[in-house]
Amino acid sequence: MRPYQFFVCAAILVFAAGTPVLADWCHDDTQLNGQIFCDDFDRYCQNPPPPWDTCATGSSRSDPALRNRWPWTSYNWNTNSRDGTNWLIEENQLVLSTPPYGGRHANGGDEGGKLGQNTRDLTPDIQAALNGKTTVNGSDAEPLILRFDITGGIQDANGIMFSTGYMELNLGDDDNGRVTNLAQAPTDWVLVGEPEIESCESCYAICPSPNFSVHVPWPSLCQQYEPRTASPDPCPPAQEVIRSSLAIGAVAFLDNNPCHCEDPANQVPSNYHVSFFDGYKWRILRSNMFPGNGGDFVWGDKTNTIILTIKTNTVDIYHRGRLTIDGGRTWVESIATDIPRKYLGDFNRLRSGTKEACRLQSGSYVCHPDYANGKKRPLRMGETRCDAGWQTNKSKYIAFDTLNLTGGIGSVVTGACCLNDASCIETDLTSCTEQGGHWQAGASTCAQTSCCPYPFADADTDGDVDQDDFGIYQLCFTNVDGGVPDGCGCLNRDGDNDVDTADFVQFSGCYSGPNVPAVPVSGGCNP
């Protein structure tokens, strides 16, 4: 029997017995062998007990203690500040697999929060568990296994199918929240409704009478495998890049038919299945998608268990949820094996929640110009311009519990590092960050990497964005479908076949003036 199969069986037997599966701190010799990081969230109280013990009944929770171990890393480039939801401690015993606590993320909807993430830097954990190595990966012989419990709240029995929140393993960032798009699963979106009519966006335009109860547009994520046949609102072409990320959890906004004209009582984004990001696109898991696929990965009531087993070129996914069948609640398991992973590299970060996201321009992978002045993410999904009211999207908070990362192979990864002047060096992630550089996820050498200035609009690399840089932009300007001249690739921000006014919108957002350092500023500088 393969190692991952043994882990699944052992974990479920212990879980089913109703006893704690893991200690809340890692490297306890009495726990599972090969443990890198674990958290059952049960030591985050005002006076934490000794290691391996949980907070006593009646203890007062400590949100700051949780956030100290999982720093808040949601960052809004428009406001040059942190934004979005932060961890809270979950105390509702009905959704916890190990009492007394779990970790909660408001997810931008009915709970009133904003989408966001918290991050655990795994580097010290990997160093302690794997003899000084700084990154970890999985192989067929020594798989890396991520296991956690997830719930979508208790209102209306379960809100997870209407909610968005996941766990994500990735490589590299500066841990101040300024995470590059190459180091996170993509969550950028288009509006489904009338995306170009700003005064009153809604699903009215595509829902014929009498099925037009939706008073708002709904977002739909673009970088996904699901064909966009249900919605007429086009996403831009998929970005042909591999991000240093694997992610799994609940993503309601993968729904490409969120208006649901055919169902007036349920005209909200919904996704009843576990979703997985393979480094390239999001995938909604369903039965018979892959060899060895058993079960339909349908979200169950209250607590769901997910086990992601990462191997050399593939992953295996296990899900366990409690479904209502023939009037009774039954535990149902789903398993898929040998799912291709597009990102094959190492990991050194673990994220919880949902990435900051922006609404995209029609036809391009650039943030919509109206999403400036701090609105670079869908804030609360039910807000509407149409009637100044509120439209529920049935989303609930996302809560996590009993998280564990084990196994794998450690290494020290070196690769391409772009410096602010657009030069490239090959070094490890830590050294790159110390030099103010930007780690290029998925690029192993400088020969495979095209570095741009930081920010990109500093075309002459003198530290500001001024008239000299605008002069270079003018020389590169070709207008729609005019091609991209040699040396102008960094100014082609939307990745199409030209340098045009859409790229100028991005350029102008970074304008600082002579001798004024060019940094992300209010108004939309995306470096």
Protein backbone atom coordinates (compact mmCIF):
# COMPACT_ATOMS: atom_id res chain seq x y z
CA MET A 1 0.00 0.00 0.00
CA ARG A 2 1.36 3.42 -0.95
CA PRO A 3 2.28 5.88 1.87
CA TYR A 4 -0.49 8.37 1.05
CA GLN A 5 -3.12 5.65 1.31
CA PHE A 6 -1.92 4.71 4.77
CA PHE A 7 -2.04 8.35 5.86
CA VAL A 8 -5.63 8.76 4.67
CA CYS A 9 -6.81 5.68 6.51
CA ALA A 10 -4.95 6.51 9.71
CA ALA A 11 -6.15 10.10 9.79
CA ILE A 12 -9.79 9.15 9.25
CA LEU A 13 -9.78 6.40 11.86
CA VAL A 14 -8.53 8.79 14.48
CA PHE A 15 -10.90 11.54 13.35
CA ALA A 16 -13.87 9.20 13.45
CA ALA A 17 -13.03 8.19 17.00
CA GLY A 18 -13.68 11.78 18.10
CA THR A 19 -10.26 12.38 19.66
CA PRO A 20 -7.74 15.08 18.72
CA VAL A 21 -5.85 14.09 15.60
CA LEU A 22 -2.79 16.29 16.03
CA ALA A 23 -1.06 18.47 18.54
CA ASP A 24 -1.31 22.19 17.88
CA TRP A 25 2.45 22.80 17.71
CA CYS A 26 4.83 20.91 15.44
CA HIS A 27 7.75 18.56 16.06
CA ASP A 28 6.13 16.56 18.81
CA ASP A 29 7.76 13.13 18.64
CA THR A 30 4.55 11.47 19.79
CA GLN A 31 2.68 12.65 16.69
CA LEU A 32 2.90 11.63 13.04
CA ASN A 33 6.40 11.05 11.70
CA GLY A 34 7.73 13.57 9.20
CA GLN A 35 5.69 16.45 10.58
CA ILE A 36 6.71 19.89 9.24
CA PHE A 37 3.92 22.14 10.49
CA CYS A 38 0.63 21.66 12.27
CA ASP A 39 -2.01 23.77 13.93
CA ASP A 40 -5.23 22.72 15.61
CA PHE A 41 -5.65 26.34 16.79
CA ASP A 42 -6.16 25.24 20.41
CA ARG A 43 -3.38 27.18 22.19
CA TYR A 44 -4.47 30.70 21.19
CA CYS A 45 -5.70 31.87 24.60
CA GLN A 46 -4.67 34.70 26.90
CA ASN A 47 -2.53 32.40 29.04
CA PRO A 48 -1.41 29.57 26.75
CA PRO A 49 -0.70 26.21 28.37
CA PRO A 50 2.60 24.33 28.06
CA PRO A 51 3.40 22.81 24.66
CA TRP A 52 1.12 19.99 23.51
CA ASP A 53 -1.68 21.00 25.88
CA THR A 54 -4.81 22.87 24.80
CA CYS A 55 -6.38 25.95 26.36
CA ALA A 56 -8.48 25.14 29.40
CA THR A 57 -12.28 25.31 29.28
CA GLY A 58 -13.37 28.88 29.96
CA SER A 59 -10.11 30.46 28.74
CA SER A 60 -10.27 33.79 26.93
CA ARG A 61 -9.22 33.55 23.28
CA SER A 62 -6.35 35.65 21.87
CA ASP A 63 -6.74 36.75 18.25
CA PRO A 64 -3.34 38.54 18.37
CA ALA A 65 -1.65 35.24 19.23
CA LEU A 66 -3.21 33.61 16.17
CA ARG A 67 -2.19 36.51 13.93
CA ASN A 68 1.35 36.46 15.27
CA ARG A 69 1.76 32.91 14.02
CA TRP A 70 -0.19 33.61 10.80
CA PRO A 71 0.61 37.22 9.80
CA TRP A 72 -1.92 39.19 7.80
CA THR A 73 -0.59 39.43 4.22
CA SER A 74 -3.47 40.86 2.19
CA TYR A 75 -2.16 43.91 0.35
CA ASN A 76 -3.92 46.49 -1.82
CA TRP A 77 -1.55 48.12 -4.31
CA ASN A 78 -3.95 51.02 -4.91
CA THR A 79 -3.77 52.20 -1.31
CA ASN A 80 -0.25 50.87 -0.64
CA SER A 81 -1.53 49.23 2.53
CA ARG A 82 -2.88 46.05 3.99
CA ASP A 83 -6.55 45.39 3.35
CA GLY A 84 -9.15 42.67 3.58
CA THR A 85 -10.09 40.18 6.24
CA ASN A 86 -7.79 39.05 9.04
CA TRP A 87 -7.90 35.84 11.09
CA LEU A 88 -10.35 35.51 13.97
CA ILE A 89 -10.52 32.61 16.37
CA GLU A 90 -13.55 30.41 15.77
CA GLU A 91 -15.28 29.30 19.00
CA ASN A 92 -18.46 27.64 17.68
CA GLN A 93 -18.05 24.04 18.78
CA LEU A 94 -20.49 22.81 16.13
CA VAL A 95 -17.96 23.45 13.34
CA LEU A 96 -14.74 22.39 15.10
CA SER A 97 -13.06 19.02 14.75
CA THR A 98 -10.88 19.66 17.83
CA PRO A 99 -12.08 22.06 20.56
CA PRO A 100 -11.84 24.69 21.82
CA TYR A 101 -10.78 26.81 18.81
CA GLY A 102 -10.42 27.01 15.04
CA GLY A 103 -9.41 29.79 12.65
CA ARG A 104 -12.05 31.90 10.87
CA HIS A 105 -11.96 34.05 7.73
CA ALA A 106 -14.84 36.32 6.79
CA ASN A 107 -15.06 35.85 3.05
CA GLY A 108 -16.49 39.06 1.67
CA GLY A 109 -20.19 38.38 1.73
CA ASP A 110 -22.95 37.99 4.29
CA GLU A 111 -20.51 37.91 7.19
CA GLY A 112 -19.50 41.47 6.28
CA GLY A 113 -15.80 40.89 5.73
CA LYS A 114 -13.41 41.46 2.86
CA LEU A 115 -11.52 38.83 0.93
CA GLY A 116 -8.02 38.33 2.26
CA GLN A 117 -5.27 35.96 3.38
CA ASN A 118 -2.96 35.19 6.27
CA THR A 119 0.38 33.50 5.68
CA ARG A 120 2.67 31.17 7.57
CA ASP A 121 6.34 31.34 6.55
CA LEU A 122 7.30 27.67 6.65
CA THR A 123 11.05 28.26 6.34
CA PRO A 124 11.89 27.77 10.05
CA ASP A 125 9.57 24.76 10.24
CA ILE A 126 11.21 23.17 7.19
CA GLN A 127 14.69 23.90 8.58
CA ALA A 128 13.83 22.22 11.87
CA ALA A 129 12.15 19.19 10.29
CA LEU A 130 14.42 18.65 7.29
CA ASN A 131 17.98 19.27 8.53
CA GLY A 132 18.40 22.92 7.59
CA LYS A 133 16.70 22.85 4.19
CA THR A 134 14.61 25.92 3.34
CA THR A 135 12.01 24.60 0.88
CA VAL A 136 10.05 21.37 0.52
CA ASN A 137 8.46 19.39 -2.30
CA GLY A 138 6.82 16.01 -2.73
CA SER A 139 7.89 12.98 -4.73
CA ASP A 140 6.36 9.62 -5.58
CA ALA A 141 8.56 7.97 -2.95
CA GLU A 142 8.22 10.75 -0.34
CA PRO A 143 4.96 12.65 -0.91
CA LEU A 144 4.21 15.97 0.78
CA ILE A 145 0.81 15.79 2.49
CA LEU A 146 -1.41 18.72 3.46
CA ARG A 147 -4.44 17.86 5.60
CA PHE A 148 -7.07 20.19 7.09
CA ASP A 149 -10.72 20.50 8.06
CA ILE A 150 -12.88 23.25 6.56
CA THR A 151 -16.42 24.47 7.13
CA GLY A 152 -18.56 27.26 5.70
CA GLY A 153 -20.44 28.31 8.80
CA ILE A 154 -23.59 26.95 10.42
CA GLN A 155 -26.32 29.31 9.24
CA ASP A 156 -28.73 27.52 6.88
CA ALA A 157 -26.93 24.27 7.79
CA ASN A 158 -23.92 25.08 5.62
CA GLY A 159 -22.80 28.05 3.54
CA ILE A 160 -19.59 26.64 2.11
CA MET A 161 -21.01 26.15 -1.39
CA PHE A 162 -21.68 29.92 -1.54
CA SER A 163 -18.34 30.92 0.00
CA THR A 164 -14.71 31.35 -0.98
CA GLY A 165 -11.72 30.28 1.11
CA TYR A 166 -8.90 27.80 0.65
CA MET A 167 -5.46 26.64 1.78
CA GLU A 168 -2.54 27.36 -0.53
CA LEU A 169 1.08 26.16 -0.65
CA ASN A 170 3.45 28.36 -2.64
CA LEU A 171 7.01 29.58 -3.05
CA GLY A 172 8.27 33.02 -2.34
CA ASP A 173 7.21 36.54 -1.47
CA ASP A 174 8.52 39.32 0.74
CA ASP A 175 6.11 38.55 3.60
CA ASN A 176 4.97 42.15 3.86
CA GLY A 177 1.91 41.33 1.83
CA ARG A 178 3.41 42.48 -1.46
CA VAL A 179 2.97 39.09 -3.06
CA THR A 180 3.63 38.84 -6.78
CA ASN A 181 0.92 37.35 -8.97
CA LEU A 182 3.37 34.59 -9.89
CA ALA A 183 3.38 33.38 -6.30
CA GLN A 184 -0.36 33.00 -5.72
CA ALA A 185 -3.40 31.30 -7.17
CA PRO A 186 -5.21 33.84 -9.42
CA THR A 187 -8.58 35.19 -8.32
CA ASP A 188 -9.09 38.08 -10.75
CA TRP A 189 -12.59 38.27 -12.18
CA VAL A 190 -15.11 39.78 -14.57
CA LEU A 191 -18.61 40.88 -13.68
CA VAL A 192 -21.52 38.86 -15.02
CA GLY A 193 -24.38 41.20 -15.83
CA GLU A 194 -23.58 44.39 -17.71
CA PRO A 195 -19.92 45.00 -16.93
CA GLU A 196 -19.50 48.13 -19.07
CA ILE A 197 -22.52 50.03 -17.69
CA GLU A 198 -21.19 51.47 -14.45
CA SER A 199 -24.34 53.27 -13.30
CA CYS A 200 -26.42 50.15 -12.80
CA GLU A 201 -24.81 46.75 -13.15
CA SER A 202 -27.06 43.75 -12.68
CA CYS A 203 -28.16 40.41 -14.06
CA TYR A 204 -31.36 41.98 -15.43
CA ALA A 205 -29.77 42.22 -18.85
CA ILE A 206 -29.38 38.47 -19.25
CA CYS A 207 -32.33 37.18 -17.16
CA PRO A 208 -35.62 37.39 -19.11
CA SER A 209 -38.90 38.18 -17.39
CA PRO A 210 -40.03 37.02 -14.91
CA ASN A 211 -36.70 35.55 -13.76
CA PHE A 212 -34.83 38.77 -13.08
CA SER A 213 -34.75 39.08 -9.32
CA VAL A 214 -30.99 39.67 -9.13
CA HIS A 215 -30.23 43.32 -8.37
CA VAL A 216 -26.45 43.08 -8.65
CA PRO A 217 -23.77 41.72 -10.96
CA TRP A 218 -21.78 38.80 -9.65
CA PRO A 219 -18.05 38.19 -10.12
CA SER A 220 -16.75 35.11 -11.90
CA LEU A 221 -13.08 34.03 -11.74
CA CYS A 222 -11.35 33.87 -15.10
CA GLN A 223 -8.35 31.56 -14.78
CA GLN A 224 -10.26 28.26 -14.74
CA TYR A 225 -10.74 25.12 -16.81
CA GLU A 226 -14.54 25.30 -16.75
CA PRO A 227 -15.76 26.40 -20.22
CA ARG A 228 -17.51 29.76 -20.22
CA THR A 229 -20.70 28.75 -22.00
CA ALA A 230 -23.31 29.78 -19.45
CA SER A 231 -22.26 33.42 -19.19
CA PRO A 232 -22.06 35.84 -22.12
CA ASP A 233 -19.60 38.09 -20.33
CA PRO A 234 -16.17 37.29 -21.72
CA CYS A 235 -13.02 36.70 -19.72
CA PRO A 236 -9.73 37.68 -21.36
CA PRO A 237 -7.59 34.82 -22.66
CA ALA A 238 -6.00 32.77 -19.90
CA GLN A 239 -2.58 33.93 -18.78
CA GLU A 240 -0.05 31.44 -20.12
CA VAL A 241 2.08 31.42 -16.99
CA ILE A 242 2.72 28.86 -14.28
CA ARG A 243 2.39 30.22 -10.75
CA SER A 244 4.36 28.75 -7.86
CA SER A 245 1.18 27.64 -6.11
CA LEU A 246 -1.08 24.70 -5.41
CA ALA A 247 -4.37 25.54 -3.67
CA ILE A 248 -7.48 23.65 -2.60
CA GLY A 249 -10.76 24.56 -0.91
CA ALA A 250 -14.04 26.35 -1.55
CA VAL A 251 -14.32 28.83 -4.46
CA ALA A 252 -17.92 29.86 -5.15
CA PHE A 253 -16.79 32.50 -7.62
CA LEU A 254 -15.70 29.85 -10.10
CA ASP A 255 -19.39 29.78 -11.01
CA ASN A 256 -19.51 31.15 -14.57
CA ASN A 257 -23.30 31.35 -14.46
CA PRO A 258 -23.80 33.24 -11.19
CA CYS A 259 -27.02 34.94 -12.32
CA HIS A 260 -28.80 31.54 -12.52
CA CYS A 261 -31.72 32.89 -14.53
CA GLU A 262 -33.24 29.42 -14.52
CA ASP A 263 -33.55 29.44 -10.71
CA PRO A 264 -34.98 32.74 -9.36
CA ALA A 265 -34.77 31.50 -5.76
CA ASN A 266 -31.03 30.83 -6.02
CA GLN A 267 -29.60 33.57 -8.22
CA VAL A 268 -26.23 33.76 -6.46
CA PRO A 269 -22.73 32.38 -7.17
CA SER A 270 -22.46 28.77 -6.03
CA ASN A 271 -20.03 25.86 -6.32
CA TYR A 272 -21.03 22.63 -4.62
CA HIS A 273 -17.69 20.91 -5.23
CA VAL A 274 -14.14 21.05 -3.89
CA SER A 275 -11.89 23.15 -6.17
CA PHE A 276 -8.17 22.77 -6.89
CA PHE A 277 -5.58 25.10 -8.43
CA ASP A 278 -2.78 23.19 -10.17
CA GLY A 279 -0.38 26.09 -10.83
CA TYR A 280 -2.08 27.12 -14.07
CA LYS A 281 -5.87 27.11 -13.70
CA TRP A 282 -8.59 26.40 -11.16
CA ARG A 283 -10.48 23.13 -11.55
CA ILE A 284 -13.87 22.16 -10.08
CA LEU A 285 -13.53 18.52 -9.02
CA ARG A 286 -16.25 16.13 -10.15
CA SER A 287 -16.64 12.39 -10.52
CA ASN A 288 -14.86 10.47 -13.30
CA MET A 289 -12.51 13.32 -14.22
CA PHE A 290 -9.35 11.29 -13.71
CA PRO A 291 -8.32 7.63 -13.44
CA GLY A 292 -8.85 6.39 -9.92
CA ASN A 293 -11.57 9.02 -9.35
CA GLY A 294 -14.29 7.86 -6.99
CA GLY A 295 -16.97 10.17 -5.60
CA ASP A 296 -18.17 13.60 -6.61
CA PHE A 297 -16.35 15.87 -4.09
CA VAL A 298 -19.62 17.46 -2.96
CA TRP A 299 -19.41 19.74 0.09
CA GLY A 300 -21.02 18.26 3.17
CA ASP A 301 -22.75 19.70 6.23
CA LYS A 302 -20.47 21.35 8.78
CA THR A 303 -16.93 19.94 8.83
CA ASN A 304 -15.25 18.65 5.65
CA THR A 305 -11.83 16.96 5.64
CA ILE A 306 -9.39 17.50 2.76
CA ILE A 307 -6.09 15.68 2.20
CA LEU A 308 -3.84 16.84 -0.64
CA THR A 309 -0.99 14.42 -1.43
CA ILE A 310 1.70 16.06 -3.58
CA LYS A 311 3.93 13.75 -5.63
CA THR A 312 6.55 14.29 -8.35
CA ASN A 313 4.27 15.26 -11.24
CA THR A 314 0.79 14.64 -9.85
CA VAL A 315 -1.40 15.05 -6.80
CA ASP A 316 -3.97 12.84 -5.11
CA ILE A 317 -6.98 14.43 -3.44
CA TYR A 318 -9.16 12.98 -0.70
CA HIS A 319 -12.39 14.59 0.58
CA ARG A 320 -14.73 13.49 3.33
CA GLY A 321 -18.04 15.24 3.99
CA ARG A 322 -21.38 14.46 5.63
CA LEU A 323 -24.30 14.48 3.18
CA THR A 324 -28.02 14.12 3.70
CA ILE A 325 -29.04 10.92 1.92
CA ASP A 326 -32.51 9.37 2.17
CA GLY A 327 -33.33 11.62 5.11
CA GLY A 328 -30.24 10.71 7.12
CA ARG A 329 -26.72 12.10 7.38
CA THR A 330 -24.02 9.88 5.91
CA TRP A 331 -20.25 10.33 5.69
CA VAL A 332 -19.21 10.21 2.02
CA GLU A 333 -15.63 9.91 0.75
CA SER A 334 -14.26 11.06 -2.62
CA ILE A 335 -10.83 10.19 -3.99
CA ALA A 336 -9.00 11.25 -7.16
CA THR A 337 -5.49 10.05 -7.97
CA ASP A 338 -2.78 11.15 -10.37
CA ILE A 339 -4.16 14.62 -11.15
CA PRO A 340 -1.42 16.47 -13.11
CA ARG A 341 0.22 19.33 -11.25
CA LYS A 342 1.39 22.13 -13.52
CA TYR A 343 3.61 23.77 -10.90
CA LEU A 344 6.34 21.24 -10.13
CA GLY A 345 8.55 23.36 -7.89
CA ASP A 346 9.12 23.66 -4.15
CA PHE A 347 7.15 25.42 -1.41
CA ASN A 348 7.99 27.59 1.60
CA ARG A 349 4.68 29.35 2.41
CA LEU A 350 1.23 28.23 3.56
CA ARG A 351 -1.72 30.62 3.10
CA SER A 352 -5.28 30.63 4.38
CA GLY A 353 -8.23 32.62 3.06
CA THR A 354 -8.64 34.15 -0.40
CA LYS A 355 -6.18 36.20 -2.47
CA GLU A 356 -6.72 39.90 -3.08
CA ALA A 357 -8.26 40.27 -6.52
CA CYS A 358 -9.26 42.89 -9.04
CA ARG A 359 -11.95 43.24 -11.64
CA LEU A 360 -10.42 42.86 -15.10
CA GLN A 361 -10.82 45.10 -18.10
CA SER A 362 -12.91 43.70 -20.90
CA GLY A 363 -10.64 41.53 -23.03
CA SER A 364 -7.38 42.00 -21.09
CA TYR A 365 -5.71 40.77 -17.92
CA VAL A 366 -5.36 44.27 -16.48
CA CYS A 367 -7.35 45.71 -13.59
CA HIS A 368 -10.38 47.71 -14.67
CA PRO A 369 -9.66 51.48 -14.49
CA ASP A 370 -12.73 52.02 -12.31
CA TYR A 371 -11.22 49.69 -9.72
CA ALA A 372 -8.91 52.36 -8.35
CA ASN A 373 -8.88 54.40 -5.16
CA GLY A 374 -8.77 51.35 -2.96
CA LYS A 375 -11.31 49.18 -4.79
CA LYS A 376 -8.98 46.55 -6.15
CA ARG A 377 -10.96 43.65 -4.75
CA PRO A 378 -14.61 42.65 -4.57
CA LEU A 379 -15.26 44.02 -1.10
CA ARG A 380 -18.68 42.70 -0.10
CA MET A 381 -20.30 40.67 -2.81
CA GLY A 382 -23.83 41.92 -2.21
CA GLU A 383 -23.21 45.65 -2.52
CA THR A 384 -25.07 47.15 -5.44
CA ARG A 385 -25.08 50.34 -7.49
CA CYS A 386 -28.57 49.64 -8.79
CA ASP A 387 -30.87 50.24 -5.86
CA ALA A 388 -28.52 51.29 -3.04
CA GLY A 389 -29.60 48.15 -1.26
CA TRP A 390 -28.19 44.82 -0.27
CA GLN A 391 -28.44 41.50 -2.06
CA THR A 392 -27.41 38.42 -0.10
CA ASN A 393 -25.12 35.98 -1.84
CA LYS A 394 -25.63 33.40 0.95
CA SER A 395 -21.91 33.28 1.71
CA LYS A 396 -20.75 32.50 5.23
CA TYR A 397 -17.44 32.63 6.97
CA ILE A 398 -14.81 29.98 6.23
CA ALA A 399 -13.35 28.20 9.26
CA PHE A 400 -10.32 25.90 9.38
CA ASP A 401 -9.23 23.36 11.99
CA THR A 402 -6.80 20.47 12.52
CA LEU A 403 -4.22 21.45 9.91
CA ASN A 404 -1.12 19.37 9.28
CA LEU A 405 1.77 19.31 6.77
CA THR A 406 3.98 16.22 6.72
CA GLY A 407 6.54 14.38 4.61
CA GLY A 408 8.26 15.64 1.49
CA ILE A 409 11.86 16.27 0.45
CA GLY A 410 13.77 19.38 1.54
CA SER A 411 16.14 21.47 -0.57
CA VAL A 412 17.66 24.93 -0.96
CA VAL A 413 16.30 26.38 -4.21
CA THR A 414 18.21 28.90 -6.31
CA GLY A 415 16.78 30.63 -9.34
CA ALA A 416 16.20 33.86 -11.20
CA CYS A 417 15.93 37.07 -9.17
CA CYS A 418 14.99 40.34 -10.89
CA LEU A 419 16.45 43.48 -9.34
CA ASN A 420 14.74 46.87 -9.55
CA ASP A 421 16.98 47.99 -12.43
CA ALA A 422 15.78 45.04 -14.55
CA SER A 423 19.01 43.12 -14.15
CA CYS A 424 18.91 39.44 -13.21
CA ILE A 425 20.95 37.40 -10.77
CA GLU A 426 20.69 33.74 -9.82
CA THR A 427 20.47 33.22 -6.08
CA ASP A 428 18.24 31.76 -3.39
CA LEU A 429 14.99 33.36 -2.24
CA THR A 430 16.37 34.80 1.00
CA SER A 431 19.34 36.47 -0.69
CA CYS A 432 17.06 37.81 -3.44
CA THR A 433 14.75 39.43 -0.88
CA GLU A 434 17.67 40.89 1.09
CA GLN A 435 18.88 42.64 -2.07
CA GLY A 436 15.46 44.13 -2.74
CA GLY A 437 14.91 41.75 -5.64
CA HIS A 438 11.83 39.96 -6.86
CA TRP A 439 11.84 36.18 -6.99
CA GLN A 440 10.65 34.80 -10.32
CA ALA A 441 8.46 31.84 -9.52
CA GLY A 442 8.69 29.06 -12.07
CA ALA A 443 11.82 30.49 -13.76
CA SER A 444 14.97 28.54 -12.90
CA THR A 445 17.64 30.64 -14.66
CA CYS A 446 18.17 34.18 -15.85
CA ALA A 447 18.42 32.82 -19.39
CA GLN A 448 14.76 31.81 -19.07
CA THR A 449 13.71 35.12 -17.53
CA SER A 450 12.91 38.56 -18.93
CA CYS A 451 13.18 41.09 -16.10
CA CYS A 452 11.35 44.41 -16.15
CA PRO A 453 12.19 47.50 -14.09
CA TYR A 454 10.38 47.80 -10.79
CA PRO A 455 7.97 49.40 -11.24
CA PHE A 456 7.71 48.54 -14.92
CA ALA A 457 7.07 52.18 -15.94
CA ASP A 458 10.58 53.25 -14.83
CA ALA A 459 11.79 52.52 -18.35
CA ASP A 460 15.18 54.25 -17.92
CA THR A 461 15.72 52.59 -14.49
CA ASP A 462 16.67 55.81 -12.69
CA GLY A 463 14.27 55.30 -9.76
CA ASP A 464 11.44 57.59 -10.87
CA VAL A 465 8.71 57.67 -13.52
CA ASP A 466 8.85 60.98 -15.34
CA GLN A 467 8.85 62.61 -18.80
CA ASP A 468 11.95 60.66 -19.83
CA ASP A 469 10.06 57.43 -19.25
CA PHE A 470 7.01 58.83 -21.06
CA GLY A 471 9.26 59.55 -24.03
CA ILE A 472 10.26 55.89 -24.13
CA TYR A 473 6.59 54.90 -23.90
CA GLN A 474 5.83 57.14 -26.91
CA LEU A 475 8.55 55.46 -28.93
CA CYS A 476 7.05 52.08 -28.05
CA PHE A 477 3.44 53.08 -28.73
CA THR A 478 1.98 51.12 -31.66
CA ASN A 479 -1.79 51.36 -30.98
CA VAL A 480 -4.24 48.48 -31.22
CA ASP A 481 -2.78 45.33 -32.85
CA GLY A 482 0.30 47.28 -33.90
CA GLY A 483 2.80 44.80 -32.51
CA VAL A 484 5.37 45.16 -29.75
CA PRO A 485 8.75 46.63 -30.82
CA ASP A 486 11.98 45.12 -29.55
CA GLY A 487 12.78 46.34 -26.05
CA CYS A 488 9.17 47.36 -25.35
CA GLY A 489 7.82 44.16 -23.85
CA CYS A 490 7.71 45.56 -20.32
CA LEU A 491 5.34 48.32 -21.43
CA ASN A 492 2.90 45.82 -22.95
CA ARG A 493 1.06 45.37 -19.67
CA ASP A 494 -1.95 43.42 -20.87
CA GLY A 495 0.08 40.90 -22.86
CA ASP A 496 -1.64 41.52 -26.19
CA ASN A 497 -0.10 42.34 -29.56
CA ASP A 498 0.48 46.04 -29.05
CA VAL A 499 1.44 48.93 -26.77
CA ASP A 500 -1.73 51.02 -26.67
CA THR A 501 -3.90 53.24 -24.48
CA ALA A 502 -4.81 50.35 -22.17
CA ASP A 503 -1.10 50.05 -21.35
CA PHE A 504 -0.88 53.81 -20.88
CA VAL A 505 -3.54 53.64 -18.16
CA GLN A 506 -1.18 51.37 -16.24
CA PHE A 507 1.83 53.56 -17.03
CA SER A 508 0.16 56.78 -15.87
CA GLY A 509 -0.82 55.20 -12.56
CA CYS A 510 2.89 54.92 -11.72
CA TYR A 511 3.90 58.46 -12.74
CA SER A 512 5.85 60.12 -9.90
CA GLY A 513 7.79 63.01 -11.48
CA PRO A 514 11.55 63.61 -11.68
CA ASN A 515 13.64 62.54 -8.69
CA VAL A 516 10.58 61.23 -6.86
CA PRO A 517 10.89 57.51 -6.10
CA ALA A 518 8.39 55.51 -8.09
CA VAL A 519 6.36 53.40 -5.69
CA PRO A 520 2.82 52.03 -5.72
CA VAL A 521 0.54 55.00 -5.06
CA SER A 522 -3.15 55.67 -4.60
CA GLY A 523 -4.65 55.61 -8.07
CA GLY A 524 -3.40 52.26 -9.23
CA CYS A 525 0.33 51.70 -9.73
CA ASN A 526 0.70 47.96 -10.23
CA PRO A 527 4.49 47.45 -10.30
